[in-house]
N, C-alpha and C. Protein backbone atom coordinates (compact mmCIF):
# COMPACT_ATOMS: atom_id res chain seq x y z
N UNK A 1 27.45 -13.05 -14.42
CA UNK A 1 27.29 -12.11 -15.52
C UNK A 1 27.89 -10.73 -15.11
N UNK A 2 28.71 -10.20 -15.94
CA UNK A 2 29.28 -8.92 -15.68
C UNK A 2 28.27 -7.74 -16.14
N UNK A 3 28.15 -6.81 -15.35
CA UNK A 3 27.32 -5.62 -15.62
C UNK A 3 28.09 -4.62 -16.37
N UNK A 4 27.75 -4.28 -17.46
CA UNK A 4 28.45 -3.19 -18.30
C UNK A 4 27.95 -1.81 -17.89
N UNK A 5 28.87 -1.06 -17.39
CA UNK A 5 28.51 0.33 -16.94
C UNK A 5 28.56 1.31 -18.14
N UNK A 6 27.69 2.32 -18.14
CA UNK A 6 27.77 3.35 -19.19
C UNK A 6 28.83 4.43 -18.76
N UNK A 7 28.94 4.63 -17.45
CA UNK A 7 29.96 5.54 -16.96
C UNK A 7 30.46 4.91 -15.68
N UNK A 8 31.87 5.05 -15.45
CA UNK A 8 32.59 4.55 -14.28
C UNK A 8 33.20 5.70 -13.58
N UNK A 9 33.07 5.79 -12.25
CA UNK A 9 33.65 6.78 -11.42
C UNK A 9 34.49 6.07 -10.40
N UNK A 10 35.74 6.38 -10.36
CA UNK A 10 36.66 5.87 -9.30
C UNK A 10 36.77 7.03 -8.26
N UNK A 11 36.14 6.88 -7.14
CA UNK A 11 36.14 7.84 -6.05
C UNK A 11 36.92 7.42 -4.81
N UNK A 12 37.89 6.57 -5.11
CA UNK A 12 38.79 6.08 -4.06
C UNK A 12 39.45 7.25 -3.37
N UNK A 13 39.58 7.22 -2.11
CA UNK A 13 40.25 8.17 -1.24
C UNK A 13 39.40 9.38 -0.89
N UNK A 14 38.21 9.53 -1.49
CA UNK A 14 37.35 10.64 -1.14
C UNK A 14 36.49 10.23 0.09
N UNK A 15 36.33 11.13 1.03
CA UNK A 15 35.56 10.88 2.30
C UNK A 15 34.10 11.52 2.07
N UNK A 16 33.28 10.96 2.90
CA UNK A 16 31.90 11.41 2.95
C UNK A 16 31.81 12.86 3.12
N UNK A 17 30.94 13.59 2.44
CA UNK A 17 29.89 13.16 1.49
C UNK A 17 30.25 13.16 -0.01
N UNK A 18 31.62 13.40 -0.26
CA UNK A 18 32.00 13.58 -1.67
C UNK A 18 31.67 12.41 -2.58
N UNK A 19 31.83 11.09 -2.26
CA UNK A 19 31.51 10.11 -3.19
C UNK A 19 29.97 10.20 -3.63
N UNK A 20 29.13 10.39 -2.74
CA UNK A 20 27.71 10.48 -2.98
C UNK A 20 27.44 11.72 -3.90
N UNK A 21 27.97 12.81 -3.56
CA UNK A 21 27.79 14.01 -4.25
C UNK A 21 28.12 13.89 -5.72
N UNK A 22 29.44 13.37 -5.89
CA UNK A 22 29.82 13.11 -7.30
C UNK A 22 29.11 12.13 -8.07
N UNK A 23 28.64 11.07 -7.38
CA UNK A 23 27.68 10.07 -8.09
C UNK A 23 26.35 10.80 -8.46
N UNK A 24 25.82 11.63 -7.55
CA UNK A 24 24.58 12.30 -7.90
C UNK A 24 24.73 13.24 -9.14
N UNK A 25 25.88 13.96 -9.24
CA UNK A 25 26.15 14.77 -10.32
C UNK A 25 26.28 13.94 -11.60
N UNK A 26 26.94 12.82 -11.54
CA UNK A 26 27.00 11.94 -12.70
C UNK A 26 25.64 11.44 -13.16
N UNK A 27 24.80 11.03 -12.26
CA UNK A 27 23.44 10.50 -12.58
C UNK A 27 22.61 11.59 -13.13
N UNK A 28 22.79 12.83 -12.72
CA UNK A 28 22.10 13.92 -13.34
C UNK A 28 22.24 14.13 -14.81
N UNK A 29 23.43 13.72 -15.24
CA UNK A 29 23.80 13.89 -16.63
C UNK A 29 23.69 12.59 -17.49
N UNK A 30 23.00 11.62 -16.82
CA UNK A 30 22.81 10.38 -17.62
C UNK A 30 21.38 10.17 -18.04
N UNK A 31 21.16 9.32 -18.93
CA UNK A 31 19.84 9.02 -19.41
C UNK A 31 19.24 7.86 -18.53
N UNK A 32 17.97 7.82 -18.57
CA UNK A 32 17.23 6.76 -17.88
C UNK A 32 17.67 5.40 -18.25
N UNK A 33 17.74 4.49 -17.22
CA UNK A 33 18.19 3.10 -17.45
C UNK A 33 19.63 2.88 -17.59
N UNK A 34 20.40 4.03 -17.75
CA UNK A 34 21.84 3.82 -17.91
C UNK A 34 22.48 3.37 -16.54
N UNK A 35 23.63 2.82 -16.67
CA UNK A 35 24.29 2.24 -15.46
C UNK A 35 25.57 3.01 -15.13
N UNK A 36 25.61 3.50 -13.82
CA UNK A 36 26.79 4.11 -13.30
C UNK A 36 27.49 3.18 -12.36
N UNK A 37 28.79 2.94 -12.58
CA UNK A 37 29.55 2.14 -11.67
C UNK A 37 30.38 3.15 -10.77
N UNK A 38 30.36 2.98 -9.45
CA UNK A 38 31.10 3.84 -8.57
C UNK A 38 31.94 2.83 -7.68
N UNK A 39 33.21 3.28 -7.62
CA UNK A 39 34.14 2.53 -6.69
C UNK A 39 34.49 3.60 -5.68
N UNK A 40 34.31 3.27 -4.33
CA UNK A 40 34.61 4.12 -3.34
C UNK A 40 35.38 3.34 -2.19
N UNK A 41 36.17 4.03 -1.38
CA UNK A 41 36.85 3.39 -0.31
C UNK A 41 36.39 3.89 1.01
N UNK A 42 35.57 4.90 1.07
CA UNK A 42 34.91 5.35 2.35
C UNK A 42 33.92 4.36 2.86
N UNK A 43 34.07 3.76 4.15
CA UNK A 43 33.10 2.87 4.67
C UNK A 43 31.69 3.49 4.82
N UNK A 44 31.68 4.75 4.99
CA UNK A 44 30.34 5.42 5.13
C UNK A 44 29.48 5.39 3.85
N UNK A 45 30.24 5.12 2.68
CA UNK A 45 29.49 5.16 1.41
C UNK A 45 28.47 4.14 1.36
N UNK A 46 28.70 2.98 2.07
CA UNK A 46 27.71 1.81 1.98
C UNK A 46 26.30 2.26 2.49
N UNK A 47 26.34 2.91 3.61
CA UNK A 47 25.01 3.41 4.16
C UNK A 47 24.46 4.54 3.25
N UNK A 48 25.37 5.49 2.86
CA UNK A 48 24.92 6.66 2.07
C UNK A 48 24.26 6.23 0.78
N UNK A 49 24.87 5.31 0.05
CA UNK A 49 24.37 4.95 -1.29
C UNK A 49 23.09 4.18 -1.15
N UNK A 50 23.03 3.24 -0.15
CA UNK A 50 21.70 2.57 0.00
C UNK A 50 20.59 3.47 0.41
N UNK A 51 20.86 4.32 1.33
CA UNK A 51 19.83 5.32 1.75
C UNK A 51 19.43 6.21 0.52
N UNK A 52 20.34 6.68 -0.24
CA UNK A 52 20.12 7.47 -1.39
C UNK A 52 19.16 6.90 -2.39
N UNK A 53 19.47 5.58 -2.76
CA UNK A 53 18.63 4.95 -3.77
C UNK A 53 17.27 4.57 -3.23
N UNK A 54 17.15 4.25 -1.81
CA UNK A 54 15.84 4.10 -1.18
C UNK A 54 14.92 5.40 -1.30
N UNK A 55 15.55 6.54 -1.42
CA UNK A 55 14.74 7.72 -1.47
C UNK A 55 14.68 8.37 -2.84
N UNK A 56 15.09 7.62 -3.87
CA UNK A 56 15.03 8.12 -5.22
C UNK A 56 14.50 7.11 -6.15
N UNK A 57 14.48 7.38 -7.45
CA UNK A 57 13.99 6.42 -8.44
C UNK A 57 15.07 5.53 -8.98
N UNK A 58 16.29 5.68 -8.42
CA UNK A 58 17.46 4.87 -8.90
C UNK A 58 17.51 3.50 -8.17
N UNK A 59 18.26 2.61 -8.76
CA UNK A 59 18.34 1.28 -8.15
C UNK A 59 19.73 0.69 -8.11
N UNK A 60 20.21 0.14 -7.04
CA UNK A 60 21.51 -0.44 -7.00
C UNK A 60 21.25 -1.94 -7.63
N UNK A 61 21.89 -2.14 -8.75
CA UNK A 61 21.60 -3.49 -9.37
C UNK A 61 22.69 -4.50 -8.94
N UNK A 62 23.77 -4.00 -8.46
CA UNK A 62 24.80 -4.87 -7.91
C UNK A 62 25.68 -4.07 -6.80
N UNK A 63 26.14 -4.68 -5.81
CA UNK A 63 26.98 -4.12 -4.76
C UNK A 63 27.99 -5.15 -4.43
N UNK A 64 29.31 -4.74 -4.33
CA UNK A 64 30.31 -5.69 -4.00
C UNK A 64 31.22 -4.89 -3.00
N UNK A 65 31.63 -5.67 -1.93
CA UNK A 65 32.51 -5.03 -0.88
C UNK A 65 33.65 -6.03 -0.78
N UNK A 66 34.89 -5.51 -0.90
CA UNK A 66 36.09 -6.36 -0.61
C UNK A 66 37.00 -5.64 0.40
N UNK A 67 38.21 -6.07 0.59
CA UNK A 67 38.98 -5.45 1.58
C UNK A 67 39.50 -4.15 1.23
N UNK A 68 39.42 -3.78 -0.06
CA UNK A 68 39.97 -2.43 -0.45
C UNK A 68 38.98 -1.43 -0.95
N UNK A 69 37.74 -1.90 -1.31
CA UNK A 69 36.84 -0.92 -1.94
C UNK A 69 35.37 -1.46 -1.83
N UNK A 70 34.45 -0.48 -2.09
CA UNK A 70 33.04 -0.72 -2.21
C UNK A 70 32.65 -0.41 -3.57
N UNK A 71 32.00 -1.26 -4.33
CA UNK A 71 31.61 -1.09 -5.73
C UNK A 71 30.13 -1.09 -5.87
N UNK A 72 29.57 -0.21 -6.56
CA UNK A 72 28.07 0.01 -6.77
C UNK A 72 27.82 0.09 -8.26
N UNK A 73 26.86 -0.60 -8.67
CA UNK A 73 26.28 -0.33 -10.12
C UNK A 73 24.94 0.10 -9.83
N UNK A 74 24.73 1.37 -10.24
CA UNK A 74 23.45 2.03 -10.04
C UNK A 74 22.74 2.37 -11.33
N UNK A 75 21.47 1.81 -11.45
CA UNK A 75 20.76 2.14 -12.62
C UNK A 75 19.93 3.39 -12.39
N UNK A 76 20.05 4.28 -13.29
CA UNK A 76 19.34 5.64 -13.12
C UNK A 76 17.78 5.31 -13.44
N UNK A 77 17.00 5.83 -12.55
CA UNK A 77 15.51 5.73 -12.69
C UNK A 77 14.88 6.69 -13.57
């Protein structure tokens, strides 16, 4: 089942901490339960995003990693 995102951010090419900072800004402007899809190429984003949601009300509802990118679907808490 494909998750439909309310907002999508392609943060390819950005290095830590920019993908997480831009995702936080987007989440701040979203409503509760909306889904943000983030695509990042920075390997550090995997640790950063999982740590971020563990310390917030948000939830990663799907995560996919392939040879070229890391994709996150984050539900705003």
